[in-house]
Amino acid sequence: MLPEIQIGNLHKSFGSHQLLDGIDLEVRRGEVIAIVGGSGSGKTTLLRYIIGLEQPDRGRVLVADHEREGSPLVDLAALNPAGMESLQRHSKINDD
């Protein structure tokens, strides 16, 4: 199965508080996952990176680009606004 999301060495701090410390995650096509944890553990922050709303302090978030042949993984940090819009548009079309 091909990866849909690949996260490598993801870090996020708020001041001296290290929220995400080297997160690695791969979600393959067809998998269903759950992200669980206590209040303030970084669940929402992680999801904001996965959908491209924020940039991590360190690390990479790669997602499959289904607009391109073979659905290659693209680095969200490297996308311009048009590229991000294309990924989001494709996601909305497939959710309907």
PDB file of N, CA and C in Angstrom:
ATOM      1  N   MET A   1       0.836  -1.191   0.000  1.00  0.00           N
ATOM      2  CA  MET A   1       0.000   0.000   0.000  1.00  0.00           C
ATOM      3  C   MET A   1       0.874   1.245   0.000  1.00  0.00           C
ATOM      4  N   LEU A   2       0.467   2.219  -0.757  1.00  0.00           N
ATOM      5  CA  LEU A   2       1.208   3.476  -0.852  1.00  0.00           C
ATOM      6  C   LEU A   2       0.885   4.385   0.331  1.00  0.00           C
ATOM      7  N   PRO A   3       1.862   5.180   0.769  1.00  0.00           N
ATOM      8  CA  PRO A   3       1.590   6.122   1.858  1.00  0.00           C
ATOM      9  C   PRO A   3       0.745   7.299   1.382  1.00  0.00           C
ATOM     10  N   GLU A   4      -0.172   7.726   2.224  1.00  0.00           N
ATOM     11  CA  GLU A   4      -0.972   8.930   1.987  1.00  0.00           C
ATOM     12  C   GLU A   4      -0.388  10.107   2.754  1.00  0.00           C
ATOM     13  N   ILE A   5       0.109   9.827   3.956  1.00  0.00           N
ATOM     14  CA  ILE A   5       0.703  10.850   4.818  1.00  0.00           C
ATOM     15  C   ILE A   5       1.982  10.270   5.400  1.00  0.00           C
ATOM     16  N   GLN A   6       3.022  11.077   5.385  1.00  0.00           N
ATOM     17  CA  GLN A   6       4.280  10.656   5.989  1.00  0.00           C
ATOM     18  C   GLN A   6       4.841  11.838   6.765  1.00  0.00           C
ATOM     19  N   ILE A   7       5.047  11.630   8.055  1.00  0.00           N
ATOM     20  CA  ILE A   7       5.558  12.681   8.935  1.00  0.00           C
ATOM     21  C   ILE A   7       6.896  12.213   9.466  1.00  0.00           C
ATOM     22  N   GLY A   8       7.888  13.101   9.399  1.00  0.00           N
ATOM     23  CA  GLY A   8       9.216  12.736   9.862  1.00  0.00           C
ATOM     24  C   GLY A   8       9.815  13.762  10.795  1.00  0.00           C
ATOM     25  N   ASN A   9      10.169  13.315  12.000  1.00  0.00           N
ATOM     26  CA  ASN A   9      10.906  14.126  12.974  1.00  0.00           C
ATOM     27  C   ASN A   9      10.233  15.476  13.240  1.00  0.00           C
ATOM     28  N   LEU A  10       8.944  15.466  13.453  1.00  0.00           N
ATOM     29  CA  LEU A  10       8.155  16.688  13.636  1.00  0.00           C
ATOM     30  C   LEU A  10       8.329  17.235  15.046  1.00  0.00           C
ATOM     31  N   HIS A  11       8.634  18.523  15.123  1.00  0.00           N
ATOM     32  CA  HIS A  11       8.854  19.202  16.405  1.00  0.00           C
ATOM     33  C   HIS A  11       8.030  20.487  16.459  1.00  0.00           C
ATOM     34  N   LYS A  12       7.519  20.782  17.642  1.00  0.00           N
ATOM     35  CA  LYS A  12       6.849  22.056  17.872  1.00  0.00           C
ATOM     36  C   LYS A  12       6.989  22.420  19.341  1.00  0.00           C
ATOM     37  N   SER A  13       7.429  23.641  19.575  1.00  0.00           N
ATOM     38  CA  SER A  13       7.538  24.169  20.936  1.00  0.00           C
ATOM     39  C   SER A  13       6.735  25.449  21.033  1.00  0.00           C
ATOM     40  N   PHE A  14       6.206  25.686  22.216  1.00  0.00           N
ATOM     41  CA  PHE A  14       5.595  26.954  22.554  1.00  0.00           C
ATOM     42  C   PHE A  14       6.404  27.494  23.724  1.00  0.00           C
ATOM     43  N   GLY A  15       7.318  28.413  23.422  1.00  0.00           N
ATOM     44  CA  GLY A  15       8.240  28.887  24.437  1.00  0.00           C
ATOM     45  C   GLY A  15       9.141  27.745  24.864  1.00  0.00           C
ATOM     46  N   SER A  16       9.216  27.488  26.164  1.00  0.00           N
ATOM     47  CA  SER A  16      10.052  26.398  26.660  1.00  0.00           C
ATOM     48  C   SER A  16       9.297  25.063  26.709  1.00  0.00           C
ATOM     49  N   HIS A  17       8.005  25.077  26.369  1.00  0.00           N
ATOM     50  CA  HIS A  17       7.181  23.857  26.404  1.00  0.00           C
ATOM     51  C   HIS A  17       7.296  23.106  25.075  1.00  0.00           C
ATOM     52  N   GLN A  18       7.956  21.933  25.108  1.00  0.00           N
ATOM     53  CA  GLN A  18       8.093  21.081  23.919  1.00  0.00           C
ATOM     54  C   GLN A  18       6.821  20.264  23.777  1.00  0.00           C
ATOM     55  N   LEU A  19       5.998  20.579  22.752  1.00  0.00           N
ATOM     56  CA  LEU A  19       4.725  19.896  22.575  1.00  0.00           C
ATOM     57  C   LEU A  19       4.883  18.638  21.721  1.00  0.00           C
ATOM     58  N   LEU A  20       5.484  18.782  20.555  1.00  0.00           N
ATOM     59  CA  LEU A  20       5.756  17.640  19.679  1.00  0.00           C
ATOM     60  C   LEU A  20       7.263  17.470  19.625  1.00  0.00           C
ATOM     61  N   ASP A  21       7.728  16.275  19.920  1.00  0.00           N
ATOM     62  CA  ASP A  21       9.162  16.041  20.045  1.00  0.00           C
ATOM     63  C   ASP A  21       9.594  14.849  19.193  1.00  0.00           C
ATOM     64  N   GLY A  22       9.808  15.105  17.901  1.00  0.00           N
ATOM     65  CA  GLY A  22      10.297  14.062  17.010  1.00  0.00           C
ATOM     66  C   GLY A  22       9.248  13.052  16.588  1.00  0.00           C
ATOM     67  N   ILE A  23       8.054  13.517  16.246  1.00  0.00           N
ATOM     68  CA  ILE A  23       6.965  12.628  15.839  1.00  0.00           C
ATOM     69  C   ILE A  23       7.252  12.048  14.451  1.00  0.00           C
ATOM     70  N   ASP A  24       7.120  10.728  14.332  1.00  0.00           N
ATOM     71  CA  ASP A  24       7.201  10.019  13.057  1.00  0.00           C
ATOM     72  C   ASP A  24       5.890   9.253  12.895  1.00  0.00           C
ATOM     73  N   LEU A  25       5.302   9.365  11.703  1.00  0.00           N
ATOM     74  CA  LEU A  25       4.025   8.697  11.459  1.00  0.00           C
ATOM     75  C   LEU A  25       3.895   8.439   9.967  1.00  0.00           C
ATOM     76  N   GLU A  26       3.382   7.273   9.628  1.00  0.00           N
ATOM     77  CA  GLU A  26       3.045   6.993   8.230  1.00  0.00           C
ATOM     78  C   GLU A  26       1.656   6.393   8.192  1.00  0.00           C
ATOM     79  N   VAL A  27       0.806   6.964   7.353  1.00  0.00           N
ATOM     80  CA  VAL A  27      -0.546   6.464   7.160  1.00  0.00           C
ATOM     81  C   VAL A  27      -0.631   6.012   5.708  1.00  0.00           C
ATOM     82  N   ARG A  28      -0.942   4.745   5.524  1.00  0.00           N
ATOM     83  CA  ARG A  28      -1.018   4.175   4.183  1.00  0.00           C
ATOM     84  C   ARG A  28      -2.455   4.225   3.665  1.00  0.00           C
ATOM     85  N   ARG A  29      -2.570   4.224   2.369  1.00  0.00           N
ATOM     86  CA  ARG A  29      -3.872   4.254   1.712  1.00  0.00           C
ATOM     87  C   ARG A  29      -4.767   3.147   2.280  1.00  0.00           C
ATOM     88  N   GLY A  30      -5.984   3.517   2.672  1.00  0.00           N
ATOM     89  CA  GLY A  30      -6.947   2.565   3.195  1.00  0.00           C
ATOM     90  C   GLY A  30      -6.892   2.362   4.695  1.00  0.00           C
ATOM     91  N   GLU A  31      -5.854   2.847   5.362  1.00  0.00           N
ATOM     92  CA  GLU A  31      -5.759   2.696   6.812  1.00  0.00           C
ATOM     93  C   GLU A  31      -6.653   3.705   7.520  1.00  0.00           C
ATOM     94  N   VAL A  32      -7.129   3.311   8.676  1.00  0.00           N
ATOM     95  CA  VAL A  32      -7.865   4.200   9.560  1.00  0.00           C
ATOM     96  C   VAL A  32      -7.066   4.265  10.853  1.00  0.00           C
ATOM     97  N   ILE A  33      -6.783   5.482  11.318  1.00  0.00           N
ATOM     98  CA  ILE A  33      -6.026   5.635  12.556  1.00  0.00           C
ATOM     99  C   ILE A  33      -6.798   6.516  13.522  1.00  0.00           C
ATOM    100  N   ALA A  34      -6.406   6.465  14.774  1.00  0.00           N
ATOM    101  CA  ALA A  34      -6.960   7.346  15.798  1.00  0.00           C
ATOM    102  C   ALA A  34      -5.791   8.039  16.485  1.00  0.00           C
ATOM    103  N   ILE A  35      -5.956   9.314  16.755  1.00  0.00           N
ATOM    104  CA  ILE A  35      -4.956  10.078  17.495  1.00  0.00           C
ATOM    105  C   ILE A  35      -5.579  10.401  18.841  1.00  0.00           C
ATOM    106  N   VAL A  36      -5.008   9.846  19.889  1.00  0.00           N
ATOM    107  CA  VAL A  36      -5.566  10.013  21.227  1.00  0.00           C
ATOM    108  C   VAL A  36      -4.508  10.564  22.171  1.00  0.00           C
ATOM    109  N   GLY A  37      -4.962  11.203  23.210  1.00  0.00           N
ATOM    110  CA  GLY A  37      -4.059  11.742  24.220  1.00  0.00           C
ATOM    111  C   GLY A  37      -4.807  12.722  25.096  1.00  0.00           C
ATOM    112  N   GLY A  38      -4.181  13.075  26.170  1.00  0.00           N
ATOM    113  CA  GLY A  38      -4.782  13.999  27.113  1.00  0.00           C
ATOM    114  C   GLY A  38      -4.844  15.420  26.577  1.00  0.00           C
ATOM    115  N   SER A  39      -5.560  16.247  27.281  1.00  0.00           N
ATOM    116  CA  SER A  39      -5.662  17.661  26.942  1.00  0.00           C
ATOM    117  C   SER A  39      -4.272  18.291  26.924  1.00  0.00           C
ATOM    118  N   GLY A  40      -3.976  19.014  25.845  1.00  0.00           N
ATOM    119  CA  GLY A  40      -2.700  19.701  25.743  1.00  0.00           C
ATOM    120  C   GLY A  40      -1.547  18.831  25.275  1.00  0.00           C
ATOM    121  N   SER A  41      -1.839  17.614  24.802  1.00  0.00           N
ATOM    122  CA  SER A  41      -0.764  16.703  24.400  1.00  0.00           C
ATOM    123  C   SER A  41      -0.304  16.894  22.954  1.00  0.00           C
ATOM    124  N   GLY A  42      -1.007  17.734  22.170  1.00  0.00           N
ATOM    125  CA  GLY A  42      -0.558  18.038  20.816  1.00  0.00           C
ATOM    126  C   GLY A  42      -1.394  17.445  19.693  1.00  0.00           C
ATOM    127  N   LYS A  43      -2.542  16.858  20.004  1.00  0.00           N
ATOM    128  CA  LYS A  43      -3.384  16.247  18.967  1.00  0.00           C
ATOM    129  C   LYS A  43      -3.817  17.263  17.919  1.00  0.00           C
ATOM    130  N   THR A  44      -4.372  18.354  18.352  1.00  0.00           N
ATOM    131  CA  THR A  44      -4.856  19.376  17.422  1.00  0.00           C
ATOM    132  C   THR A  44      -3.695  20.004  16.663  1.00  0.00           C
ATOM    133  N   THR A  45      -2.601  20.257  17.326  1.00  0.00           N
ATOM    134  CA  THR A  45      -1.428  20.822  16.665  1.00  0.00           C
ATOM    135  C   THR A  45      -0.952  19.892  15.564  1.00  0.00           C
ATOM    136  N   LEU A  46      -0.861  18.601  15.843  1.00  0.00           N
ATOM    137  CA  LEU A  46      -0.450  17.627  14.833  1.00  0.00           C
ATOM    138  C   LEU A  46      -1.397  17.654  13.639  1.00  0.00           C
ATOM    139  N   LEU A  47      -2.689  17.674  13.891  1.00  0.00           N
ATOM    140  CA  LEU A  47      -3.662  17.702  12.799  1.00  0.00           C
ATOM    141  C   LEU A  47      -3.565  18.989  11.990  1.00  0.00           C
ATOM    142  N   ARG A  48      -3.271  20.103  12.617  1.00  0.00           N
ATOM    143  CA  ARG A  48      -3.113  21.371  11.890  1.00  0.00           C
ATOM    144  C   ARG A  48      -1.928  21.299  10.928  1.00  0.00           C
ATOM    145  N   TYR A  49      -0.887  20.554  11.296  1.00  0.00           N
ATOM    146  CA  TYR A  49       0.246  20.361  10.382  1.00  0.00           C
ATOM    147  C   TYR A  49      -0.142  19.452   9.229  1.00  0.00           C
ATOM    148  N   ILE A  50      -0.880  18.395   9.522  1.00  0.00           N
ATOM    149  CA  ILE A  50      -1.270  17.436   8.491  1.00  0.00           C
ATOM    150  C   ILE A  50      -2.141  18.095   7.424  1.00  0.00           C
ATOM    151  N   ILE A  51      -2.984  19.038   7.811  1.00  0.00           N
ATOM    152  CA  ILE A  51      -3.838  19.696   6.818  1.00  0.00           C
ATOM    153  C   ILE A  51      -3.220  20.988   6.291  1.00  0.00           C
ATOM    154  N   GLY A  52      -1.997  21.277   6.695  1.00  0.00           N
ATOM    155  CA  GLY A  52      -1.254  22.389   6.110  1.00  0.00           C
ATOM    156  C   GLY A  52      -1.576  23.763   6.648  1.00  0.00           C
ATOM    157  N   LEU A  53      -2.207  23.860   7.811  1.00  0.00           N
ATOM    158  CA  LEU A  53      -2.541  25.167   8.361  1.00  0.00           C
ATOM    159  C   LEU A  53      -1.354  25.838   9.044  1.00  0.00           C
ATOM    160  N   GLU A  54      -0.379  25.040   9.471  1.00  0.00           N
ATOM    161  CA  GLU A  54       0.786  25.588  10.163  1.00  0.00           C
ATOM    162  C   GLU A  54       2.040  24.865   9.719  1.00  0.00           C
ATOM    163  N   GLN A  55       3.178  25.505   9.941  1.00  0.00           N
ATOM    164  CA  GLN A  55       4.482  24.925   9.638  1.00  0.00           C
ATOM    165  C   GLN A  55       5.162  24.511  10.946  1.00  0.00           C
ATOM    166  N   PRO A  56       5.773  23.322  10.962  1.00  0.00           N
ATOM    167  CA  PRO A  56       6.453  22.876  12.182  1.00  0.00           C
ATOM    168  C   PRO A  56       7.748  23.640  12.412  1.00  0.00           C
ATOM    169  N   ASP A  57       8.229  23.609  13.651  1.00  0.00           N
ATOM    170  CA  ASP A  57       9.540  24.177  13.959  1.00  0.00           C
ATOM    171  C   ASP A  57      10.628  23.401  13.226  1.00  0.00           C
ATOM    172  N   ARG A  58      10.479  22.086  13.201  1.00  0.00           N
ATOM    173  CA  ARG A  58      11.405  21.179  12.519  1.00  0.00           C
ATOM    174  C   ARG A  58      10.637  19.968  12.039  1.00  0.00           C
ATOM    175  N   GLY A  59      11.137  19.325  11.002  1.00  0.00           N
ATOM    176  CA  GLY A  59      10.513  18.106  10.502  1.00  0.00           C
ATOM    177  C   GLY A  59       9.731  18.362   9.226  1.00  0.00           C
ATOM    178  N   ARG A  60       9.169  17.277   8.705  1.00  0.00           N
ATOM    179  CA  ARG A  60       8.460  17.361   7.430  1.00  0.00           C
ATOM    180  C   ARG A  60       7.117  16.661   7.497  1.00  0.00           C
ATOM    181  N   VAL A  61       6.176  17.224   6.758  1.00  0.00           N
ATOM    182  CA  VAL A  61       4.874  16.601   6.574  1.00  0.00           C
ATOM    183  C   VAL A  61       4.684  16.439   5.074  1.00  0.00           C
ATOM    184  N   LEU A  62       4.583  15.199   4.633  1.00  0.00           N
ATOM    185  CA  LEU A  62       4.393  14.880   3.221  1.00  0.00           C
ATOM    186  C   LEU A  62       3.014  14.259   3.054  1.00  0.00           C
ATOM    187  N   VAL A  63       2.322  14.659   1.990  1.00  0.00           N
ATOM    188  CA  VAL A  63       1.008  14.090   1.694  1.00  0.00           C
ATOM    189  C   VAL A  63       0.951  13.705   0.226  1.00  0.00           C
ATOM    190  N   ALA A  64       0.106  12.738  -0.086  1.00  0.00           N
ATOM    191  CA  ALA A  64      -0.041  12.278  -1.465  1.00  0.00           C
ATOM    192  C   ALA A  64      -0.758  13.331  -2.294  1.00  0.00           C
ATOM    193  N   ASP A  65      -0.210  13.604  -3.473  1.00  0.00           N
ATOM    194  CA  ASP A  65      -0.824  14.545  -4.419  1.00  0.00           C
ATOM    195  C   ASP A  65      -1.527  13.735  -5.491  1.00  0.00           C
ATOM    196  N   HIS A  66      -2.832  13.554  -5.344  1.00  0.00           N
ATOM    197  CA  HIS A  66      -3.609  12.731  -6.263  1.00  0.00           C
ATOM    198  C   HIS A  66      -3.897  13.424  -7.588  1.00  0.00           C
ATOM    199  N   GLU A  67      -3.484  14.660  -7.721  1.00  0.00           N
ATOM    200  CA  GLU A  67      -3.624  15.365  -9.002  1.00  0.00           C
ATOM    201  C   GLU A  67      -2.522  14.947  -9.972  1.00  0.00           C
ATOM    202  N   ARG A  68      -1.450  14.333  -9.458  1.00  0.00           N
ATOM    203  CA  ARG A  68      -0.307  13.956 -10.294  1.00  0.00           C
ATOM    204  C   ARG A  68      -0.231  12.440 -10.445  1.00  0.00           C
ATOM    205  N   GLU A  69       0.286  12.001 -11.576  1.00  0.00           N
ATOM    206  CA  GLU A  69       0.449  10.590 -11.882  1.00  0.00           C
ATOM    207  C   GLU A  69       1.210   9.870 -10.771  1.00  0.00           C
ATOM    208  N   GLY A  70       0.666   8.784 -10.274  1.00  0.00           N
ATOM    209  CA  GLY A  70       1.316   7.997  -9.236  1.00  0.00           C
ATOM    210  C   GLY A  70       1.130   8.535  -7.830  1.00  0.00           C
ATOM    211  N   SER A  71       0.431   9.634  -7.664  1.00  0.00           N
ATOM    212  CA  SER A  71       0.171  10.246  -6.356  1.00  0.00           C
ATOM    213  C   SER A  71       1.436  10.393  -5.517  1.00  0.00           C
ATOM    214  N   PRO A  72       2.446  11.120  -6.034  1.00  0.00           N
ATOM    215  CA  PRO A  72       3.688  11.268  -5.269  1.00  0.00           C
ATOM    216  C   PRO A  72       3.464  12.062  -3.985  1.00  0.00           C
ATOM    217  N   LEU A  73       4.329  11.818  -3.010  1.00  0.00           N
ATOM    218  CA  LEU A  73       4.276  12.589  -1.772  1.00  0.00           C
ATOM    219  C   LEU A  73       4.899  13.954  -2.011  1.00  0.00           C
ATOM    220  N   VAL A  74       4.242  14.992  -1.510  1.00  0.00           N
ATOM    221  CA  VAL A  74       4.764  16.348  -1.617  1.00  0.00           C
ATOM    222  C   VAL A  74       4.901  16.936  -0.215  1.00  0.00           C
ATOM    223  N   ASP A  75       5.923  17.748  -0.047  1.00  0.00           N
ATOM    224  CA  ASP A  75       6.193  18.409   1.227  1.00  0.00           C
ATOM    225  C   ASP A  75       5.284  19.623   1.333  1.00  0.00           C
ATOM    226  N   LEU A  76       4.420  19.662   2.337  1.00  0.00           N
ATOM    227  CA  LEU A  76       3.492  20.783   2.474  1.00  0.00           C
ATOM    228  C   LEU A  76       4.216  22.117   2.608  1.00  0.00           C
ATOM    229  N   ALA A  77       5.382  22.113   3.240  1.00  0.00           N
ATOM    230  CA  ALA A  77       6.132  23.360   3.417  1.00  0.00           C
ATOM    231  C   ALA A  77       6.638  23.921   2.095  1.00  0.00           C
ATOM    232  N   ALA A  78       6.757  23.075   1.071  1.00  0.00           N
ATOM    233  CA  ALA A  78       7.282  23.514  -0.219  1.00  0.00           C
ATOM    234  C   ALA A  78       6.185  23.991  -1.174  1.00  0.00           C
ATOM    235  N   LEU A  79       4.929  23.832  -0.786  1.00  0.00           N
ATOM    236  CA  LEU A  79       3.827  24.213  -1.679  1.00  0.00           C
ATOM    237  C   LEU A  79       3.542  25.701  -1.598  1.00  0.00           C
ATOM    238  N   ASN A  80       3.249  26.275  -2.756  1.00  0.00           N
ATOM    239  CA  ASN A  80       2.777  27.655  -2.790  1.00  0.00           C
ATOM    240  C   ASN A  80       1.256  27.617  -2.542  1.00  0.00           C
ATOM    241  N   PRO A  81       0.615  28.773  -2.387  1.00  0.00           N
ATOM    242  CA  PRO A  81      -0.831  28.767  -2.112  1.00  0.00           C
ATOM    243  C   PRO A  81      -1.654  28.030  -3.170  1.00  0.00           C
ATOM    244  N   ALA A  82      -1.283  28.130  -4.440  1.00  0.00           N
ATOM    245  CA  ALA A  82      -2.028  27.430  -5.495  1.00  0.00           C
ATOM    246  C   ALA A  82      -1.883  25.913  -5.351  1.00  0.00           C
ATOM    247  N   GLY A  83      -0.688  25.445  -5.000  1.00  0.00           N
ATOM    248  CA  GLY A  83      -0.468  24.017  -4.796  1.00  0.00           C
ATOM    249  C   GLY A  83      -1.264  23.492  -3.617  1.00  0.00           C
ATOM    250  N   MET A  84      -1.297  24.256  -2.546  1.00  0.00           N
ATOM    251  CA  MET A  84      -2.070  23.866  -1.368  1.00  0.00           C
ATOM    252  C   MET A  84      -3.557  23.836  -1.700  1.00  0.00           C
ATOM    253  N   GLU A  85      -4.024  24.819  -2.445  1.00  0.00           N
ATOM    254  CA  GLU A  85      -5.434  24.862  -2.837  1.00  0.00           C
ATOM    255  C   GLU A  85      -5.798  23.653  -3.696  1.00  0.00           C
ATOM    256  N   SER A  86      -4.898  23.243  -4.570  1.00  0.00           N
ATOM    257  CA  SER A  86      -5.137  22.076  -5.415  1.00  0.00           C
ATOM    258  C   SER A  86      -5.300  20.817  -4.570  1.00  0.00           C
ATOM    259  N   LEU A  87      -4.430  20.636  -3.580  1.00  0.00           N
ATOM    260  CA  LEU A  87      -4.557  19.473  -2.690  1.00  0.00           C
ATOM    261  C   LEU A  87      -5.869  19.516  -1.917  1.00  0.00           C
ATOM    262  N   GLN A  88      -6.228  20.681  -1.401  1.00  0.00           N
ATOM    263  CA  GLN A  88      -7.454  20.812  -0.629  1.00  0.00           C
ATOM    264  C   GLN A  88      -8.682  20.585  -1.502  1.00  0.00           C
ATOM    265  N   ARG A  89      -8.649  21.096  -2.729  1.00  0.00           N
ATOM    266  CA  ARG A  89      -9.776  20.935  -3.646  1.00  0.00           C
ATOM    267  C   ARG A  89      -9.984  19.450  -3.951  1.00  0.00           C
ATOM    268  N   HIS A  90      -8.897  18.740  -4.222  1.00  0.00           N
ATOM    269  CA  HIS A  90      -9.003  17.312  -4.512  1.00  0.00           C
ATOM    270  C   HIS A  90      -9.588  16.552  -3.320  1.00  0.00           C
ATOM    271  N   SER A  91      -9.150  16.912  -2.125  1.00  0.00           N
ATOM    272  CA  SER A  91      -9.647  16.270  -0.915  1.00  0.00           C
ATOM    273  C   SER A  91     -11.144  16.489  -0.755  1.00  0.00           C
ATOM    274  N   LYS A  92     -11.610  17.699  -1.009  1.00  0.00           N
ATOM    275  CA  LYS A  92     -13.045  18.005  -0.865  1.00  0.00           C
ATOM    276  C   LYS A  92     -13.861  17.254  -1.891  1.00  0.00           C
ATOM    277  N   ILE A  93     -13.364  17.138  -3.130  1.00  0.00           N
ATOM    278  CA  ILE A  93     -14.077  16.414  -4.176  1.00  0.00           C
ATOM    279  C   ILE A  93     -14.257  14.956  -3.789  1.00  0.00           C
ATOM    280  N   ASN A  94     -13.211  14.340  -3.238  1.00  0.00           N
ATOM    281  CA  ASN A  94     -13.260  12.924  -2.893  1.00  0.00           C
ATOM    282  C   ASN A  94     -14.024  12.650  -1.613  1.00  0.00           C
ATOM    283  N   ASP A  95     -14.290  13.663  -0.800  1.00  0.00           N
ATOM    284  CA  ASP A  95     -15.065  13.473   0.422  1.00  0.00           C
ATOM    285  C   ASP A  95     -16.565  13.451   0.148  1.00  0.00           C
ATOM    286  N   ASP A  96     -16.970  14.012  -0.972  1.00  0.00           N
ATOM    287  CA  ASP A  96     -18.400  14.098  -1.280  1.00  0.00           C
ATOM    288  C   ASP A  96     -18.969  12.762  -1.718  1.00  0.00           C
TER     289      ASP A  96
END
